[in-house]
């Protein structure tokens, strides 16, 4: 997910990010990037922002943002998620979805006996 705290972009744009007080915090599996932006005297300081890979706002689905990043953006966690936490969370969600399908199939099978 790249070096946290450094701009994702080099050269001129990296300089502009730093001048604007933007600090790169991470990237998710969809390509969205997460930033902290200085907000001196404002609340909250720093602000947290997502730069969505999909620029068409009608195409963006909040539920597709990994829960670990949603918690960070909403200040429910102090630090951004680690790559390990993101992988673990994704594995947990995949397992839960698989089990839900298995339970639904078992339920359907049991109902067919009624």
Protein backbone atom coordinates (compact mmCIF):
# COMPACT_ATOMS: atom_id res chain seq x y z
CA UNK A 1 0.00 0.00 0.00
CA UNK A 2 3.01 2.29 -0.32
CA UNK A 3 4.91 4.38 2.14
CA UNK A 4 2.55 5.97 4.62
CA UNK A 5 3.13 9.62 5.23
CA UNK A 6 4.76 10.23 1.85
CA UNK A 7 3.00 11.58 -1.18
CA UNK A 8 2.02 8.89 -3.66
CA UNK A 9 3.05 11.24 -6.43
CA UNK A 10 6.56 12.42 -7.09
CA UNK A 11 7.91 15.55 -8.68
CA UNK A 12 5.70 18.60 -8.99
CA UNK A 13 2.50 16.91 -7.74
CA UNK A 14 4.30 15.44 -4.74
CA UNK A 15 5.56 18.93 -3.93
CA UNK A 16 2.04 20.32 -4.29
CA UNK A 17 0.63 17.62 -1.98
CA UNK A 18 3.19 18.52 0.67
CA UNK A 19 2.56 22.26 0.25
CA UNK A 20 -1.19 21.69 0.66
CA UNK A 21 -0.56 19.67 3.82
CA UNK A 22 -1.70 16.39 2.20
CA UNK A 23 -0.11 13.27 3.65
CA UNK A 24 -0.65 9.91 1.95
CA UNK A 25 -1.90 7.30 4.42
CA UNK A 26 -2.68 4.27 2.27
CA UNK A 27 -4.47 2.64 -0.63
CA UNK A 28 -7.17 -0.03 -0.80
CA UNK A 29 -7.64 -2.97 -3.17
CA UNK A 30 -9.90 -0.84 -5.41
CA UNK A 31 -7.19 1.79 -5.92
CA UNK A 32 -8.77 4.46 -3.69
CA UNK A 33 -6.18 6.51 -1.80
CA UNK A 34 -6.51 7.83 1.74
CA UNK A 35 -5.07 11.15 2.92
CA UNK A 36 -4.71 13.34 5.97
CA UNK A 37 -4.89 17.06 5.26
CA UNK A 38 -3.72 19.73 7.69
CA UNK A 39 -6.57 21.85 9.01
CA UNK A 40 -4.91 24.30 11.44
CA UNK A 41 -7.38 25.64 13.96
CA UNK A 42 -10.20 23.67 12.39
CA UNK A 43 -12.07 20.69 13.66
CA UNK A 44 -11.05 18.02 12.99
CA UNK A 45 -7.34 18.52 12.51
CA UNK A 46 -6.18 16.84 10.42
CA UNK A 47 -9.05 16.18 8.03
CA UNK A 48 -9.24 12.74 6.45
CA UNK A 49 -10.10 12.25 2.81
CA UNK A 50 -10.62 9.52 0.22
CA UNK A 51 -9.57 10.10 -3.38
CA UNK A 52 -11.73 7.61 -5.24
CA UNK A 53 -10.25 5.84 -8.26
CA UNK A 54 -13.74 6.10 -9.81
CA UNK A 55 -14.25 9.81 -10.38
CA UNK A 56 -17.94 9.55 -11.36
CA UNK A 57 -19.63 10.20 -8.00
CA UNK A 58 -22.74 8.30 -9.14
CA UNK A 59 -20.61 5.15 -9.46
CA UNK A 60 -19.08 5.33 -5.97
CA UNK A 61 -20.51 2.93 -3.39
CA UNK A 62 -19.61 3.69 0.26
CA UNK A 63 -20.11 0.03 1.21
CA UNK A 64 -17.27 -0.88 -1.19
CA UNK A 65 -14.80 1.09 0.93
CA UNK A 66 -13.20 -1.48 3.24
CA UNK A 67 -14.66 -1.22 6.77
CA UNK A 68 -11.18 -0.73 8.22
CA UNK A 69 -10.74 2.40 6.10
CA UNK A 70 -14.29 3.61 6.82
CA UNK A 71 -13.51 3.49 10.55
CA UNK A 72 -10.33 5.50 10.00
CA UNK A 73 -12.03 8.14 7.80
CA UNK A 74 -14.72 8.61 10.49
CA UNK A 75 -12.12 8.90 13.31
CA UNK A 76 -13.32 5.68 14.93
CA UNK A 77 -9.71 4.50 14.87
CA UNK A 78 -6.62 6.62 15.39
CA UNK A 79 -4.28 4.88 12.98
CA UNK A 80 -4.89 3.77 9.40
CA UNK A 81 -5.30 0.02 8.92
CA UNK A 82 -2.21 -2.06 8.24
CA UNK A 83 -1.93 -4.32 5.21
CA UNK A 84 -2.23 -7.29 7.58
CA UNK A 85 -5.48 -5.94 9.09
CA UNK A 86 -6.89 -5.34 5.61
CA UNK A 87 -6.04 -8.88 4.46
CA UNK A 88 -7.47 -10.39 7.64
CA UNK A 89 -10.69 -8.37 7.34
CA UNK A 90 -11.10 -9.37 3.70
CA UNK A 91 -10.59 -13.05 4.59
CA UNK A 92 -13.15 -12.78 7.41
CA UNK A 93 -15.72 -11.20 5.09
CA UNK A 94 -15.13 -13.87 2.41
CA UNK A 95 -15.55 -16.64 5.00
CA UNK A 96 -18.75 -15.05 6.35
CA UNK A 97 -20.21 -14.80 2.83
CA UNK A 98 -19.30 -18.43 2.10
CA UNK A 99 -20.91 -19.59 5.36
CA UNK A 100 -24.04 -17.56 4.64
CA UNK A 101 -24.44 -19.38 1.31
CA UNK A 102 -23.88 -22.76 3.00
CA UNK A 103 -26.45 -21.98 5.70
CA UNK A 104 -29.00 -20.80 3.13
CA UNK A 105 -28.47 -24.00 1.10
CA UNK A 106 -28.84 -26.16 4.22
CA UNK A 107 -31.97 -24.25 5.21
CA UNK A 108 -33.43 -24.78 1.74
CA UNK A 109 -32.61 -28.49 1.90
CA UNK A 110 -34.31 -28.84 5.31
CA UNK A 111 -37.39 -26.96 4.12
CA UNK A 112 -37.73 -29.33 1.16
CA UNK A 113 -38.41 -32.13 3.68
CA UNK A 114 -41.42 -30.32 5.14
